[in-house]
């Protein structure tokens, strides 16, 4: 039995179980290298994911958002009328997933010359300052502080 060391094992990081499972899923899907892809920044607030999907038609591809994930699936239908003497181009199905951060929008997808471009828009971060009102605590809320005690003058010196 092996013990798995978690980055989120600290008692200060509570409730990150779902985040950890997502990271595990990402690392497993990243190990699968098909289809290859690029991620590039387009302008100040744009991103583009480009997947190399040579041989796939637009009807063979599906781009969907499931929860907070962008999921791209490809499935080719075999053409029964073709007779291959050698088949070196794989006609396999694939699924590639990308976890989307909060606020990321998928703007559109285009297929051109075997490259599927998926354009995303991310919101520009807004500087937010929020002031928290400090209310007055109840008087009996804390232990009593130091008290002054009146001491009668010493009459022994008279």
C-alpha atoms as a PDB file:
ATOM      1  CA  UNK A   1       0.000   0.000   0.000  1.00  0.00           C
ATOM      2  CA  UNK A   2       1.394   3.391  -0.961  1.00  0.00           C
ATOM      3  CA  UNK A   3       0.537   6.583   0.813  1.00  0.00           C
ATOM      4  CA  UNK A   4      -0.247   9.486  -1.441  1.00  0.00           C
ATOM      5  CA  UNK A   5       1.219  12.821  -0.397  1.00  0.00           C
ATOM      6  CA  UNK A   6      -1.159  15.646  -1.078  1.00  0.00           C
ATOM      7  CA  UNK A   7      -0.315  19.278  -1.636  1.00  0.00           C
ATOM      8  CA  UNK A   8      -3.573  20.113   0.120  1.00  0.00           C
ATOM      9  CA  UNK A   9      -2.794  18.144   3.276  1.00  0.00           C
ATOM     10  CA  UNK A  10      -2.420  21.242   5.432  1.00  0.00           C
ATOM     11  CA  UNK A  11      -5.069  21.880   8.100  1.00  0.00           C
ATOM     12  CA  UNK A  12      -5.168  25.462   6.796  1.00  0.00           C
ATOM     13  CA  UNK A  13      -6.528  24.292   3.418  1.00  0.00           C
ATOM     14  CA  UNK A  14      -9.961  22.897   4.158  1.00  0.00           C
ATOM     15  CA  UNK A  15     -12.502  22.027   1.474  1.00  0.00           C
ATOM     16  CA  UNK A  16     -10.062  21.634  -1.423  1.00  0.00           C
ATOM     17  CA  UNK A  17     -10.962  17.977  -2.114  1.00  0.00           C
ATOM     18  CA  UNK A  18     -12.811  18.808  -5.356  1.00  0.00           C
ATOM     19  CA  UNK A  19      -9.909  20.973  -6.518  1.00  0.00           C
ATOM     20  CA  UNK A  20      -7.476  18.131  -5.853  1.00  0.00           C
ATOM     21  CA  UNK A  21      -9.616  15.648  -7.803  1.00  0.00           C
ATOM     22  CA  UNK A  22      -9.738  18.112 -10.713  1.00  0.00           C
ATOM     23  CA  UNK A  23      -5.943  18.399 -10.713  1.00  0.00           C
ATOM     24  CA  UNK A  24      -5.648  14.604 -10.737  1.00  0.00           C
ATOM     25  CA  UNK A  25      -8.009  14.399 -13.705  1.00  0.00           C
ATOM     26  CA  UNK A  26      -6.061  17.109 -15.563  1.00  0.00           C
ATOM     27  CA  UNK A  27      -2.736  15.383 -15.040  1.00  0.00           C
ATOM     28  CA  UNK A  28      -4.146  12.069 -16.285  1.00  0.00           C
ATOM     29  CA  UNK A  29      -5.640  13.640 -19.415  1.00  0.00           C
ATOM     30  CA  UNK A  30      -2.442  15.624 -20.057  1.00  0.00           C
ATOM     31  CA  UNK A  31      -0.537  12.336 -20.256  1.00  0.00           C
ATOM     32  CA  UNK A  32      -2.608  11.465 -23.340  1.00  0.00           C
ATOM     33  CA  UNK A  33      -1.016  13.461 -26.139  1.00  0.00           C
ATOM     34  CA  UNK A  34      -3.657  13.241 -28.858  1.00  0.00           C
ATOM     35  CA  UNK A  35      -4.556  15.530 -30.413  1.00  0.00           C
ATOM     36  CA  UNK A  36      -1.678  17.971 -29.912  1.00  0.00           C
ATOM     37  CA  UNK A  37      -2.696  21.517 -29.067  1.00  0.00           C
ATOM     38  CA  UNK A  38      -1.445  25.062 -28.517  1.00  0.00           C
ATOM     39  CA  UNK A  39      -2.757  27.726 -26.170  1.00  0.00           C
ATOM     40  CA  UNK A  40      -1.972  31.307 -27.069  1.00  0.00           C
ATOM     41  CA  UNK A  41      -2.923  34.730 -25.839  1.00  0.00           C
ATOM     42  CA  UNK A  42      -4.858  36.834 -28.336  1.00  0.00           C
ATOM     43  CA  UNK A  43      -4.953  40.475 -27.320  1.00  0.00           C
ATOM     44  CA  UNK A  44      -5.335  41.668 -23.761  1.00  0.00           C
ATOM     45  CA  UNK A  45      -8.290  39.492 -22.756  1.00  0.00           C
ATOM     46  CA  UNK A  46      -8.407  36.715 -25.356  1.00  0.00           C
ATOM     47  CA  UNK A  47      -7.111  33.154 -25.473  1.00  0.00           C
ATOM     48  CA  UNK A  48      -7.075  30.661 -28.329  1.00  0.00           C
ATOM     49  CA  UNK A  49      -6.799  26.900 -28.069  1.00  0.00           C
ATOM     50  CA  UNK A  50      -5.719  25.308 -31.356  1.00  0.00           C
ATOM     51  CA  UNK A  51      -6.020  21.538 -31.785  1.00  0.00           C
ATOM     52  CA  UNK A  52      -4.457  19.630 -34.676  1.00  0.00           C
ATOM     53  CA  UNK A  53      -7.375  17.514 -35.914  1.00  0.00           C
ATOM     54  CA  UNK A  54      -6.311  16.622 -39.454  1.00  0.00           C
ATOM     55  CA  UNK A  55      -8.775  14.296 -41.165  1.00  0.00           C
ATOM     56  CA  UNK A  56     -11.750  15.367 -39.052  1.00  0.00           C
ATOM     57  CA  UNK A  57     -14.694  17.200 -40.560  1.00  0.00           C
ATOM     58  CA  UNK A  58     -16.668  19.731 -38.544  1.00  0.00           C
ATOM     59  CA  UNK A  59     -19.496  17.202 -38.146  1.00  0.00           C
ATOM     60  CA  UNK A  60     -16.978  14.743 -36.619  1.00  0.00           C
ATOM     61  CA  UNK A  61     -16.181  17.210 -33.823  1.00  0.00           C
ATOM     62  CA  UNK A  62     -18.118  18.399 -30.790  1.00  0.00           C
ATOM     63  CA  UNK A  63     -17.174  21.347 -28.560  1.00  0.00           C
ATOM     64  CA  UNK A  64     -19.120  21.484 -25.309  1.00  0.00           C
ATOM     65  CA  UNK A  65     -18.952  23.144 -21.912  1.00  0.00           C
ATOM     66  CA  UNK A  66     -19.668  20.719 -19.086  1.00  0.00           C
ATOM     67  CA  UNK A  67     -19.689  22.323 -15.641  1.00  0.00           C
ATOM     68  CA  UNK A  68     -16.416  24.278 -15.608  1.00  0.00           C
ATOM     69  CA  UNK A  69     -14.723  22.252 -18.352  1.00  0.00           C
ATOM     70  CA  UNK A  70     -14.336  22.791 -22.060  1.00  0.00           C
ATOM     71  CA  UNK A  71     -14.609  19.331 -23.653  1.00  0.00           C
ATOM     72  CA  UNK A  72     -13.652  18.644 -27.273  1.00  0.00           C
ATOM     73  CA  UNK A  73     -14.585  15.267 -28.741  1.00  0.00           C
ATOM     74  CA  UNK A  74     -13.744  13.848 -32.114  1.00  0.00           C
ATOM     75  CA  UNK A  75     -15.123  10.727 -33.752  1.00  0.00           C
ATOM     76  CA  UNK A  76     -14.612   9.769 -37.378  1.00  0.00           C
ATOM     77  CA  UNK A  77     -16.953   7.464 -39.198  1.00  0.00           C
ATOM     78  CA  UNK A  78     -15.142   4.889 -41.299  1.00  0.00           C
ATOM     79  CA  UNK A  79     -15.795   5.229 -45.006  1.00  0.00           C
ATOM     80  CA  UNK A  80     -16.668   1.659 -46.046  1.00  0.00           C
ATOM     81  CA  UNK A  81     -16.202   2.509 -49.716  1.00  0.00           C
ATOM     82  CA  UNK A  82     -12.440   3.079 -49.301  1.00  0.00           C
ATOM     83  CA  UNK A  83      -9.968   0.244 -49.685  1.00  0.00           C
ATOM     84  CA  UNK A  84      -6.708   0.985 -47.860  1.00  0.00           C
ATOM     85  CA  UNK A  85      -3.469  -0.641 -49.014  1.00  0.00           C
ATOM     86  CA  UNK A  86      -1.729   1.044 -46.077  1.00  0.00           C
ATOM     87  CA  UNK A  87      -3.401   2.963 -43.284  1.00  0.00           C
ATOM     88  CA  UNK A  88      -0.929   5.159 -41.421  1.00  0.00           C
ATOM     89  CA  UNK A  89      -3.334   7.960 -40.501  1.00  0.00           C
ATOM     90  CA  UNK A  90      -5.222   6.855 -37.463  1.00  0.00           C
ATOM     91  CA  UNK A  91      -8.961   7.304 -37.534  1.00  0.00           C
ATOM     92  CA  UNK A  92      -9.476   7.230 -33.817  1.00  0.00           C
ATOM     93  CA  UNK A  93     -11.773   9.017 -31.488  1.00  0.00           C
ATOM     94  CA  UNK A  94     -10.508  11.427 -28.855  1.00  0.00           C
ATOM     95  CA  UNK A  95     -11.604  13.573 -25.975  1.00  0.00           C
ATOM     96  CA  UNK A  96      -9.590  16.544 -24.742  1.00  0.00           C
ATOM     97  CA  UNK A  97     -10.681  18.570 -21.701  1.00  0.00           C
ATOM     98  CA  UNK A  98      -9.632  21.973 -20.381  1.00  0.00           C
ATOM     99  CA  UNK A  99     -10.695  23.318 -16.997  1.00  0.00           C
ATOM    100  CA  UNK A 100     -12.018  26.852 -17.349  1.00  0.00           C
ATOM    101  CA  UNK A 101     -11.425  29.467 -14.687  1.00  0.00           C
ATOM    102  CA  UNK A 102     -14.373  31.415 -13.322  1.00  0.00           C
ATOM    103  CA  UNK A 103     -15.691  33.919 -15.870  1.00  0.00           C
ATOM    104  CA  UNK A 104     -13.991  32.478 -18.982  1.00  0.00           C
ATOM    105  CA  UNK A 105     -16.352  32.553 -21.973  1.00  0.00           C
ATOM    106  CA  UNK A 106     -16.100  30.486 -25.143  1.00  0.00           C
ATOM    107  CA  UNK A 107     -16.553  32.973 -27.985  1.00  0.00           C
ATOM    108  CA  UNK A 108     -16.490  30.586 -30.946  1.00  0.00           C
ATOM    109  CA  UNK A 109     -14.805  27.721 -32.786  1.00  0.00           C
ATOM    110  CA  UNK A 110     -13.546  27.429 -36.363  1.00  0.00           C
ATOM    111  CA  UNK A 111     -12.072  24.539 -38.335  1.00  0.00           C
ATOM    112  CA  UNK A 112      -9.578  25.418 -41.068  1.00  0.00           C
ATOM    113  CA  UNK A 113      -6.974  23.211 -42.774  1.00  0.00           C
ATOM    114  CA  UNK A 114      -7.048  20.567 -40.052  1.00  0.00           C
ATOM    115  CA  UNK A 115      -6.759  23.044 -37.172  1.00  0.00           C
ATOM    116  CA  UNK A 116      -9.619  23.611 -34.754  1.00  0.00           C
ATOM    117  CA  UNK A 117      -9.404  27.070 -33.157  1.00  0.00           C
ATOM    118  CA  UNK A 118     -11.459  27.722 -30.043  1.00  0.00           C
ATOM    119  CA  UNK A 119     -11.508  31.359 -28.984  1.00  0.00           C
ATOM    120  CA  UNK A 120     -11.997  32.271 -25.348  1.00  0.00           C
ATOM    121  CA  UNK A 121     -12.464  35.573 -23.586  1.00  0.00           C
ATOM    122  CA  UNK A 122     -11.372  36.093 -20.024  1.00  0.00           C
ATOM    123  CA  UNK A 123     -12.647  38.933 -17.897  1.00  0.00           C
ATOM    124  CA  UNK A 124     -10.113  41.573 -17.011  1.00  0.00           C
ATOM    125  CA  UNK A 125      -9.484  41.603 -13.273  1.00  0.00           C
ATOM    126  CA  UNK A 126     -11.247  44.413 -11.485  1.00  0.00           C
ATOM    127  CA  UNK A 127      -9.687  46.025  -8.498  1.00  0.00           C
ATOM    128  CA  UNK A 128     -12.236  45.704  -5.737  1.00  0.00           C
ATOM    129  CA  UNK A 129     -11.940  47.330  -2.365  1.00  0.00           C
ATOM    130  CA  UNK A 130     -14.540  46.566   0.231  1.00  0.00           C
ATOM    131  CA  UNK A 131     -14.651  48.199   3.642  1.00  0.00           C
ATOM    132  CA  UNK A 132     -15.854  46.066   6.510  1.00  0.00           C
ATOM    133  CA  UNK A 133     -17.808  47.939   9.173  1.00  0.00           C
ATOM    134  CA  UNK A 134     -16.523  47.409  12.670  1.00  0.00           C
ATOM    135  CA  UNK A 135     -19.363  47.202  15.144  1.00  0.00           C
ATOM    136  CA  UNK A 136     -19.050  47.874  18.849  1.00  0.00           C
ATOM    137  CA  UNK A 137     -18.825  44.766  20.989  1.00  0.00           C
ATOM    138  CA  UNK A 138     -21.095  44.277  23.987  1.00  0.00           C
ATOM    139  CA  UNK A 139     -19.618  45.508  27.278  1.00  0.00           C
ATOM    140  CA  UNK A 140     -19.751  42.115  28.996  1.00  0.00           C
ATOM    141  CA  UNK A 141     -18.143  40.465  25.988  1.00  0.00           C
ATOM    142  CA  UNK A 142     -14.611  40.758  27.350  1.00  0.00           C
ATOM    143  CA  UNK A 143     -13.081  40.131  30.743  1.00  0.00           C
ATOM    144  CA  UNK A 144     -12.939  43.284  32.837  1.00  0.00           C
ATOM    145  CA  UNK A 145      -9.774  45.282  32.321  1.00  0.00           C
ATOM    146  CA  UNK A 146      -7.585  46.800  35.005  1.00  0.00           C
ATOM    147  CA  UNK A 147      -9.506  48.717  37.589  1.00  0.00           C
ATOM    148  CA  UNK A 148      -8.354  51.570  39.787  1.00  0.00           C
ATOM    149  CA  UNK A 149      -8.819  51.207  43.519  1.00  0.00           C
ATOM    150  CA  UNK A 150      -9.017  54.228  45.749  1.00  0.00           C
ATOM    151  CA  UNK A 151      -6.663  53.840  48.702  1.00  0.00           C
ATOM    152  CA  UNK A 152      -7.281  55.838  51.845  1.00  0.00           C
ATOM    153  CA  UNK A 153      -4.359  58.072  52.792  1.00  0.00           C
ATOM    154  CA  UNK A 154      -1.995  56.606  55.309  1.00  0.00           C
ATOM    155  CA  UNK A 155      -2.791  58.248  58.718  1.00  0.00           C
ATOM    156  CA  UNK A 156       0.090  56.561  60.542  1.00  0.00           C
ATOM    157  CA  UNK A 157       2.363  59.465  59.738  1.00  0.00           C
ATOM    158  CA  UNK A 158       0.218  61.862  61.827  1.00  0.00           C
END
